[in-house]
Amino acid sequence: MSVGAIASGNYPKYLYTGPASSDATASTTASASAPKSSAATTTGDDAVVVTISDRAQAAIAALSSGSSSNASGSLRDRLNAQYQAAQNNGTFISFDSSKGGQWLDLSSFTDDELAQIELNKNGEFSQDELNLAGGALAGRAAHSLESYGPAVQSGDRRAMMMGIKALYSQMSDDVRSALRWTPDMMASTDDMLNGDSKRLGWLSVDPIVSKLLDASNSGGLHFTQDSLGSLPQMGSD
């Protein structure tokens, strides 16, 4: 969406003063050797991998997880309020740190709300806004699974696969869609988990749940003790 389209559409003119695009990205495919400067989650040869660009990393530091929101108003109104507040303070919202200004603060937005912005079903959001929201959501997913990275690099994908299955079981359809976590991905995850577990043995689900709960409290995807009953079967011989 161009700057002109935003200014002449249903958006106040103060809404956008930054560049017309952003390299903050949502879920993409990458190798297990992703640069350490990016947030990356490797799940195996056939599974989705989350990577976040270096520029997005600067923004994600301020985009911690919000499991619930007390904010009132529509998502569009809540974003608009930040643009207006920035203008009132003599600055502007930017999507490129080299241009000055300040980032949108998405810390109060839930996973579902970030997904709604990224999916942009009603065409309410600029490309920068949906890219930033998608990057923030992908960053939360990477954070939820990053503790399993060393085991994956050593060839043991079991905990990672179990973590993915557990997170998927508690996600809304919008979050799944925004992250590109599909039924085909989950079928591949099941295949890898079953194969690796038959070879290496079955892991207990309790440490997996504990790590996901800890990650949820420190910037990862929302994961709750209240919904543990929805956890999928993690496999058996």
C-alpha atoms as a PDB file:
ATOM      1  CA  MET A   1       0.000   0.000   0.000  1.00  0.00           C
ATOM      2  CA  SER A   2       1.502   3.353  -1.011  1.00  0.00           C
ATOM      3  CA  VAL A   3       1.885   6.398   1.190  1.00  0.00           C
ATOM      4  CA  GLY A   4      -0.596   8.221  -1.015  1.00  0.00           C
ATOM      5  CA  ALA A   5      -3.186   5.490  -0.623  1.00  0.00           C
ATOM      6  CA  ILE A   6      -2.952   5.737   3.139  1.00  0.00           C
ATOM      7  CA  ALA A   7      -3.245   9.508   3.152  1.00  0.00           C
ATOM      8  CA  SER A   8      -6.205   9.578   0.776  1.00  0.00           C
ATOM      9  CA  GLY A   9      -8.073   6.568   2.147  1.00  0.00           C
ATOM     10  CA  ASN A  10      -9.628   6.001   5.560  1.00  0.00           C
ATOM     11  CA  TYR A  11      -6.410   6.853   7.382  1.00  0.00           C
ATOM     12  CA  PRO A  12      -5.666  10.254   8.959  1.00  0.00           C
ATOM     13  CA  LYS A  13      -2.738  11.969   7.230  1.00  0.00           C
ATOM     14  CA  TYR A  14      -0.588  11.760  10.351  1.00  0.00           C
ATOM     15  CA  LEU A  15      -0.747   7.984  10.269  1.00  0.00           C
ATOM     16  CA  TYR A  16       2.362   7.361   8.234  1.00  0.00           C
ATOM     17  CA  THR A  17       5.624   9.255   7.861  1.00  0.00           C
ATOM     18  CA  GLY A  18       8.126   6.444   7.405  1.00  0.00           C
ATOM     19  CA  PRO A  19       9.270   4.410   4.379  1.00  0.00           C
ATOM     20  CA  ALA A  20       6.758   2.470   2.308  1.00  0.00           C
ATOM     21  CA  SER A  21       8.203  -0.961   3.070  1.00  0.00           C
ATOM     22  CA  SER A  22       9.889  -2.867   5.832  1.00  0.00           C
ATOM     23  CA  ASP A  23      12.103  -5.923   5.841  1.00  0.00           C
ATOM     24  CA  ALA A  24      10.544  -7.300   9.016  1.00  0.00           C
ATOM     25  CA  THR A  25       9.301 -10.689   7.855  1.00  0.00           C
ATOM     26  CA  ALA A  26       7.047 -13.411   9.180  1.00  0.00           C
ATOM     27  CA  SER A  27       7.626 -17.142   8.782  1.00  0.00           C
ATOM     28  CA  THR A  28      10.090 -18.124   6.075  1.00  0.00           C
ATOM     29  CA  THR A  29      12.102 -21.235   5.263  1.00  0.00           C
ATOM     30  CA  ALA A  30      15.758 -21.323   6.307  1.00  0.00           C
ATOM     31  CA  SER A  31      18.504 -23.837   7.053  1.00  0.00           C
ATOM     32  CA  ALA A  32      19.688 -25.030  10.440  1.00  0.00           C
ATOM     33  CA  SER A  33      22.749 -22.834   9.999  1.00  0.00           C
ATOM     34  CA  ALA A  34      20.822 -19.559  10.079  1.00  0.00           C
ATOM     35  CA  PRO A  35      23.024 -16.622  11.145  1.00  0.00           C
ATOM     36  CA  LYS A  36      23.161 -16.030  14.869  1.00  0.00           C
ATOM     37  CA  SER A  37      22.202 -12.403  14.242  1.00  0.00           C
ATOM     38  CA  SER A  38      18.712 -13.561  13.275  1.00  0.00           C
ATOM     39  CA  ALA A  39      16.085 -15.189  15.441  1.00  0.00           C
ATOM     40  CA  ALA A  40      15.733 -18.630  13.893  1.00  0.00           C
ATOM     41  CA  THR A  41      13.930 -21.831  14.769  1.00  0.00           C
ATOM     42  CA  THR A  42      14.923 -24.980  12.907  1.00  0.00           C
ATOM     43  CA  THR A  43      12.449 -27.838  13.028  1.00  0.00           C
ATOM     44  CA  GLY A  44      13.817 -30.305  10.499  1.00  0.00           C
ATOM     45  CA  ASP A  45      14.177 -30.803   6.768  1.00  0.00           C
ATOM     46  CA  ASP A  46      10.458 -30.654   5.969  1.00  0.00           C
ATOM     47  CA  ALA A  47       9.163 -28.327   8.678  1.00  0.00           C
ATOM     48  CA  VAL A  48       8.602 -24.588   8.796  1.00  0.00           C
ATOM     49  CA  VAL A  49      11.457 -22.461  10.108  1.00  0.00           C
ATOM     50  CA  VAL A  50      11.027 -19.004  11.588  1.00  0.00           C
ATOM     51  CA  THR A  51      13.600 -16.325  10.798  1.00  0.00           C
ATOM     52  CA  ILE A  52      13.599 -12.633  11.639  1.00  0.00           C
ATOM     53  CA  SER A  53      15.736 -10.049   9.850  1.00  0.00           C
ATOM     54  CA  ASP A  54      18.353  -8.021  11.712  1.00  0.00           C
ATOM     55  CA  ARG A  55      16.314  -4.828  11.395  1.00  0.00           C
ATOM     56  CA  ALA A  56      13.277  -6.533  12.841  1.00  0.00           C
ATOM     57  CA  GLN A  57      15.371  -7.656  15.822  1.00  0.00           C
ATOM     58  CA  ALA A  58      15.698  -4.032  16.907  1.00  0.00           C
ATOM     59  CA  ALA A  59      11.934  -3.700  16.917  1.00  0.00           C
ATOM     60  CA  ILE A  60      11.137  -7.037  18.535  1.00  0.00           C
ATOM     61  CA  ALA A  61      13.020  -5.999  21.668  1.00  0.00           C
ATOM     62  CA  ALA A  62      10.023  -3.767  22.378  1.00  0.00           C
ATOM     63  CA  LEU A  63       7.392  -6.250  21.215  1.00  0.00           C
ATOM     64  CA  SER A  64       7.096  -8.635  24.150  1.00  0.00           C
ATOM     65  CA  SER A  65       4.261 -11.111  24.370  1.00  0.00           C
ATOM     66  CA  GLY A  66       0.809  -9.979  25.405  1.00  0.00           C
ATOM     67  CA  SER A  67      -1.378 -12.878  26.501  1.00  0.00           C
ATOM     68  CA  SER A  68      -4.330 -10.602  27.112  1.00  0.00           C
ATOM     69  CA  SER A  69      -5.165  -6.989  26.466  1.00  0.00           C
ATOM     70  CA  ASN A  70      -7.087  -4.469  28.534  1.00  0.00           C
ATOM     71  CA  ALA A  71      -6.915  -1.862  25.773  1.00  0.00           C
ATOM     72  CA  SER A  72     -10.207  -0.613  24.389  1.00  0.00           C
ATOM     73  CA  GLY A  73     -11.001   0.267  20.793  1.00  0.00           C
ATOM     74  CA  SER A  74     -10.397  -1.460  17.504  1.00  0.00           C
ATOM     75  CA  LEU A  75      -6.933  -2.533  16.421  1.00  0.00           C
ATOM     76  CA  ARG A  76      -6.961   0.296  13.897  1.00  0.00           C
ATOM     77  CA  ASP A  77      -7.911   2.816  16.581  1.00  0.00           C
ATOM     78  CA  ARG A  78      -5.197   1.576  18.914  1.00  0.00           C
ATOM     79  CA  LEU A  79      -2.546   1.940  16.222  1.00  0.00           C
ATOM     80  CA  ASN A  80      -3.908   5.336  15.207  1.00  0.00           C
ATOM     81  CA  ALA A  81      -3.575   6.510  18.792  1.00  0.00           C
ATOM     82  CA  GLN A  82       0.152   5.760  18.700  1.00  0.00           C
ATOM     83  CA  TYR A  83       0.635   7.757  15.518  1.00  0.00           C
ATOM     84  CA  GLN A  84      -1.263  10.671  17.055  1.00  0.00           C
ATOM     85  CA  ALA A  85       0.662  10.450  20.344  1.00  0.00           C
ATOM     86  CA  ALA A  86       3.968  10.455  18.477  1.00  0.00           C
ATOM     87  CA  GLN A  87       2.904  13.542  16.530  1.00  0.00           C
ATOM     88  CA  ASN A  88       1.786  15.254  19.750  1.00  0.00           C
ATOM     89  CA  ASN A  89       5.244  14.560  21.201  1.00  0.00           C
ATOM     90  CA  GLY A  90       6.981  16.126  18.210  1.00  0.00           C
ATOM     91  CA  THR A  91       8.125  12.864  16.645  1.00  0.00           C
ATOM     92  CA  PHE A  92       6.694  10.233  14.289  1.00  0.00           C
ATOM     93  CA  ILE A  93       6.230   6.504  13.853  1.00  0.00           C
ATOM     94  CA  SER A  94       8.989   4.960  11.766  1.00  0.00           C
ATOM     95  CA  PHE A  95       9.576   1.500  10.356  1.00  0.00           C
ATOM     96  CA  ASP A  96      13.262   2.145   9.698  1.00  0.00           C
ATOM     97  CA  SER A  97      15.444   3.011  12.677  1.00  0.00           C
ATOM     98  CA  SER A  98      17.901   4.855  10.428  1.00  0.00           C
ATOM     99  CA  LYS A  99      15.173   7.419   9.700  1.00  0.00           C
ATOM    100  CA  GLY A 100      14.635   8.362  13.333  1.00  0.00           C
ATOM    101  CA  GLY A 101      11.231   8.435  14.967  1.00  0.00           C
ATOM    102  CA  GLN A 102       9.911   5.615  17.113  1.00  0.00           C
ATOM    103  CA  TRP A 103       8.627   2.108  16.573  1.00  0.00           C
ATOM    104  CA  LEU A 104       5.025   1.096  16.985  1.00  0.00           C
ATOM    105  CA  ASP A 105       4.678  -0.535  20.400  1.00  0.00           C
ATOM    106  CA  LEU A 106       2.955  -3.874  19.903  1.00  0.00           C
ATOM    107  CA  SER A 107       3.677  -5.238  23.375  1.00  0.00           C
ATOM    108  CA  SER A 108       0.048  -4.949  24.498  1.00  0.00           C
ATOM    109  CA  PHE A 109      -1.270  -6.804  21.446  1.00  0.00           C
ATOM    110  CA  THR A 110      -2.114 -10.467  21.878  1.00  0.00           C
ATOM    111  CA  ASP A 111      -0.917 -13.170  19.505  1.00  0.00           C
ATOM    112  CA  ASP A 112      -4.388 -13.207  17.956  1.00  0.00           C
ATOM    113  CA  GLU A 113      -4.336  -9.451  17.467  1.00  0.00           C
ATOM    114  CA  LEU A 114      -0.918  -9.511  15.819  1.00  0.00           C
ATOM    115  CA  ALA A 115      -2.187 -12.267  13.541  1.00  0.00           C
ATOM    116  CA  GLN A 116      -5.255 -10.213  12.625  1.00  0.00           C
ATOM    117  CA  ILE A 117      -3.049  -7.278  11.663  1.00  0.00           C
ATOM    118  CA  GLU A 118      -0.659  -9.466   9.667  1.00  0.00           C
ATOM    119  CA  LEU A 119      -3.483 -11.239   7.825  1.00  0.00           C
ATOM    120  CA  ASN A 120      -5.131  -7.860   7.120  1.00  0.00           C
ATOM    121  CA  LYS A 121      -8.388  -9.455   6.043  1.00  0.00           C
ATOM    122  CA  ASN A 122     -10.255  -6.147   5.806  1.00  0.00           C
ATOM    123  CA  GLY A 123      -7.430  -4.133   4.257  1.00  0.00           C
ATOM    124  CA  GLU A 124      -7.178  -1.813   7.277  1.00  0.00           C
ATOM    125  CA  PHE A 125      -3.414  -1.848   7.720  1.00  0.00           C
ATOM    126  CA  SER A 126      -0.389  -0.600   5.808  1.00  0.00           C
ATOM    127  CA  GLN A 127       2.213  -3.018   4.486  1.00  0.00           C
ATOM    128  CA  ASP A 128       4.650  -1.820   7.144  1.00  0.00           C
ATOM    129  CA  GLU A 129       2.154  -2.455   9.914  1.00  0.00           C
ATOM    130  CA  LEU A 130       1.311  -5.960   8.817  1.00  0.00           C
ATOM    131  CA  ASN A 131       4.997  -6.772   8.247  1.00  0.00           C
ATOM    132  CA  LEU A 132       5.909  -5.512  11.701  1.00  0.00           C
ATOM    133  CA  ALA A 133       3.063  -7.447  13.330  1.00  0.00           C
ATOM    134  CA  GLY A 134       4.015 -10.596  11.417  1.00  0.00           C
ATOM    135  CA  GLY A 135       7.645 -10.169  12.406  1.00  0.00           C
ATOM    136  CA  ALA A 136       6.697  -9.696  16.052  1.00  0.00           C
ATOM    137  CA  LEU A 137       4.533 -12.826  15.996  1.00  0.00           C
ATOM    138  CA  ALA A 138       7.289 -14.841  14.331  1.00  0.00           C
ATOM    139  CA  GLY A 139       9.718 -13.518  16.926  1.00  0.00           C
ATOM    140  CA  ARG A 140       7.471 -14.811  19.684  1.00  0.00           C
ATOM    141  CA  ALA A 141       7.385 -18.238  18.016  1.00  0.00           C
ATOM    142  CA  ALA A 142      11.169 -18.274  17.695  1.00  0.00           C
ATOM    143  CA  HIS A 143      11.532 -17.328  21.365  1.00  0.00           C
ATOM    144  CA  SER A 144       9.147 -20.100  22.450  1.00  0.00           C
ATOM    145  CA  LEU A 145      11.236 -22.719  20.661  1.00  0.00           C
ATOM    146  CA  GLU A 146      14.769 -21.349  20.939  1.00  0.00           C
ATOM    147  CA  SER A 147      15.676 -23.403  24.019  1.00  0.00           C
ATOM    148  CA  TYR A 148      15.426 -26.548  21.880  1.00  0.00           C
ATOM    149  CA  GLY A 149      17.953 -25.240  19.353  1.00  0.00           C
ATOM    150  CA  PRO A 150      21.086 -26.905  20.818  1.00  0.00           C
ATOM    151  CA  ALA A 151      19.424 -30.336  20.819  1.00  0.00           C
ATOM    152  CA  VAL A 152      18.283 -29.868  17.213  1.00  0.00           C
ATOM    153  CA  GLN A 153      21.808 -28.913  16.168  1.00  0.00           C
ATOM    154  CA  SER A 154      22.987 -32.145  17.791  1.00  0.00           C
ATOM    155  CA  GLY A 155      20.494 -34.137  15.724  1.00  0.00           C
ATOM    156  CA  ASP A 156      17.751 -34.578  18.339  1.00  0.00           C
ATOM    157  CA  ARG A 157      14.523 -32.935  17.183  1.00  0.00           C
ATOM    158  CA  ARG A 158      12.162 -34.596  19.666  1.00  0.00           C
ATOM    159  CA  ALA A 159      11.702 -31.714  22.134  1.00  0.00           C
ATOM    160  CA  MET A 160      11.349 -29.215  19.289  1.00  0.00           C
ATOM    161  CA  MET A 161       8.662 -31.307  17.600  1.00  0.00           C
ATOM    162  CA  MET A 162       6.797 -31.753  20.882  1.00  0.00           C
ATOM    163  CA  GLY A 163       6.997 -28.014  21.520  1.00  0.00           C
ATOM    164  CA  ILE A 164       5.567 -27.261  18.086  1.00  0.00           C
ATOM    165  CA  LYS A 165       2.707 -29.713  18.584  1.00  0.00           C
ATOM    166  CA  ALA A 166       1.906 -28.263  22.014  1.00  0.00           C
ATOM    167  CA  LEU A 167       1.932 -24.664  20.751  1.00  0.00           C
ATOM    168  CA  TYR A 168      -0.169 -25.557  17.710  1.00  0.00           C
ATOM    169  CA  SER A 169      -2.806 -27.187  19.899  1.00  0.00           C
ATOM    170  CA  GLN A 170      -3.424 -23.880  21.714  1.00  0.00           C
ATOM    171  CA  MET A 171      -3.206 -21.508  18.731  1.00  0.00           C
ATOM    172  CA  SER A 172      -6.180 -19.895  17.068  1.00  0.00           C
ATOM    173  CA  ASP A 173      -6.720 -20.436  13.357  1.00  0.00           C
ATOM    174  CA  ASP A 174      -5.576 -16.870  12.696  1.00  0.00           C
ATOM    175  CA  VAL A 175      -2.278 -17.368  14.505  1.00  0.00           C
ATOM    176  CA  ARG A 176      -1.691 -20.638  12.664  1.00  0.00           C
ATOM    177  CA  SER A 177      -2.404 -18.930   9.369  1.00  0.00           C
ATOM    178  CA  ALA A 178      -0.211 -15.914  10.115  1.00  0.00           C
ATOM    179  CA  LEU A 179       2.704 -18.170  11.081  1.00  0.00           C
ATOM    180  CA  ARG A 180       2.063 -20.499   8.112  1.00  0.00           C
ATOM    181  CA  TRP A 181       1.777 -23.457  10.497  1.00  0.00           C
ATOM    182  CA  THR A 182      -0.330 -25.784   8.393  1.00  0.00           C
ATOM    183  CA  PRO A 183      -1.799 -29.292   8.757  1.00  0.00           C
ATOM    184  CA  ASP A 184       0.891 -30.481   6.315  1.00  0.00           C
ATOM    185  CA  MET A 185       3.552 -29.037   8.601  1.00  0.00           C
ATOM    186  CA  MET A 186       2.020 -30.837  11.565  1.00  0.00           C
ATOM    187  CA  ALA A 187       1.922 -34.128   9.643  1.00  0.00           C
ATOM    188  CA  SER A 188       5.632 -33.681   8.901  1.00  0.00           C
ATOM    189  CA  THR A 189       6.214 -32.850  12.567  1.00  0.00           C
ATOM    190  CA  ASP A 190       4.440 -36.058  13.615  1.00  0.00           C
ATOM    191  CA  ASP A 191       6.550 -38.107  11.215  1.00  0.00           C
ATOM    192  CA  MET A 192       9.801 -36.653  12.533  1.00  0.00           C
ATOM    193  CA  LEU A 193       8.748 -36.993  16.178  1.00  0.00           C
ATOM    194  CA  ASN A 194       7.662 -40.596  15.749  1.00  0.00           C
ATOM    195  CA  GLY A 195      10.794 -41.539  13.824  1.00  0.00           C
ATOM    196  CA  ASP A 196      13.191 -39.865  16.224  1.00  0.00           C
ATOM    197  CA  SER A 197      11.365 -41.153  19.310  1.00  0.00           C
ATOM    198  CA  LYS A 198      11.439 -44.737  18.079  1.00  0.00           C
ATOM    199  CA  ARG A 199      15.162 -44.348  17.551  1.00  0.00           C
ATOM    200  CA  LEU A 200      16.065 -42.363  20.676  1.00  0.00           C
ATOM    201  CA  GLY A 201      13.182 -43.028  23.080  1.00  0.00           C
ATOM    202  CA  TRP A 202      10.115 -41.033  24.131  1.00  0.00           C
ATOM    203  CA  LEU A 203      10.539 -37.826  26.100  1.00  0.00           C
ATOM    204  CA  SER A 204       8.351 -36.714  29.000  1.00  0.00           C
ATOM    205  CA  VAL A 205       5.955 -33.917  28.106  1.00  0.00           C
ATOM    206  CA  ASP A 206       6.361 -32.152  31.480  1.00  0.00           C
ATOM    207  CA  PRO A 207       9.691 -30.389  30.716  1.00  0.00           C
ATOM    208  CA  ILE A 208       8.286 -29.317  27.327  1.00  0.00           C
ATOM    209  CA  VAL A 209       5.262 -27.718  28.974  1.00  0.00           C
ATOM    210  CA  SER A 210       7.437 -26.039  31.600  1.00  0.00           C
ATOM    211  CA  LYS A 211       9.673 -24.426  28.986  1.00  0.00           C
ATOM    212  CA  LEU A 212       6.723 -23.219  26.928  1.00  0.00           C
ATOM    213  CA  LEU A 213       5.105 -21.687  30.007  1.00  0.00           C
ATOM    214  CA  ASP A 214       8.378 -19.947  30.907  1.00  0.00           C
ATOM    215  CA  ALA A 215       8.758 -18.674  27.351  1.00  0.00           C
ATOM    216  CA  SER A 216       5.175 -17.414  27.356  1.00  0.00           C
ATOM    217  CA  ASN A 217       6.030 -15.261  30.374  1.00  0.00           C
ATOM    218  CA  SER A 218       9.192 -13.851  28.785  1.00  0.00           C
ATOM    219  CA  GLY A 219       8.156 -12.820  25.281  1.00  0.00           C
ATOM    220  CA  GLY A 220       7.095 -16.039  23.573  1.00  0.00           C
ATOM    221  CA  LEU A 221       3.771 -17.176  22.163  1.00  0.00           C
ATOM    222  CA  HIS A 222       0.927 -17.308  24.647  1.00  0.00           C
ATOM    223  CA  PHE A 223       0.750 -20.739  26.273  1.00  0.00           C
ATOM    224  CA  THR A 224      -1.422 -21.455  29.261  1.00  0.00           C
ATOM    225  CA  GLN A 225      -1.678 -24.040  31.993  1.00  0.00           C
ATOM    226  CA  ASP A 226      -5.461 -23.768  31.734  1.00  0.00           C
ATOM    227  CA  SER A 227      -5.475 -25.398  28.285  1.00  0.00           C
ATOM    228  CA  LEU A 228      -3.103 -28.279  28.925  1.00  0.00           C
ATOM    229  CA  GLY A 229      -6.011 -30.641  28.415  1.00  0.00           C
ATOM    230  CA  SER A 230      -5.877 -29.755  24.734  1.00  0.00           C
ATOM    231  CA  LEU A 231      -2.335 -31.075  24.330  1.00  0.00           C
ATOM    232  CA  PRO A 232      -2.070 -33.671  21.557  1.00  0.00           C
ATOM    233  CA  GLN A 233      -0.851 -37.201  22.017  1.00  0.00           C
ATOM    234  CA  MET A 234       2.914 -36.989  21.747  1.00  0.00           C
ATOM    235  CA  GLY A 235       3.288 -40.505  20.434  1.00  0.00           C
ATOM    236  CA  SER A 236       3.835 -44.020  21.735  1.00  0.00           C
ATOM    237  CA  ASP A 237       5.340 -47.244  20.504  1.00  0.00           C
END
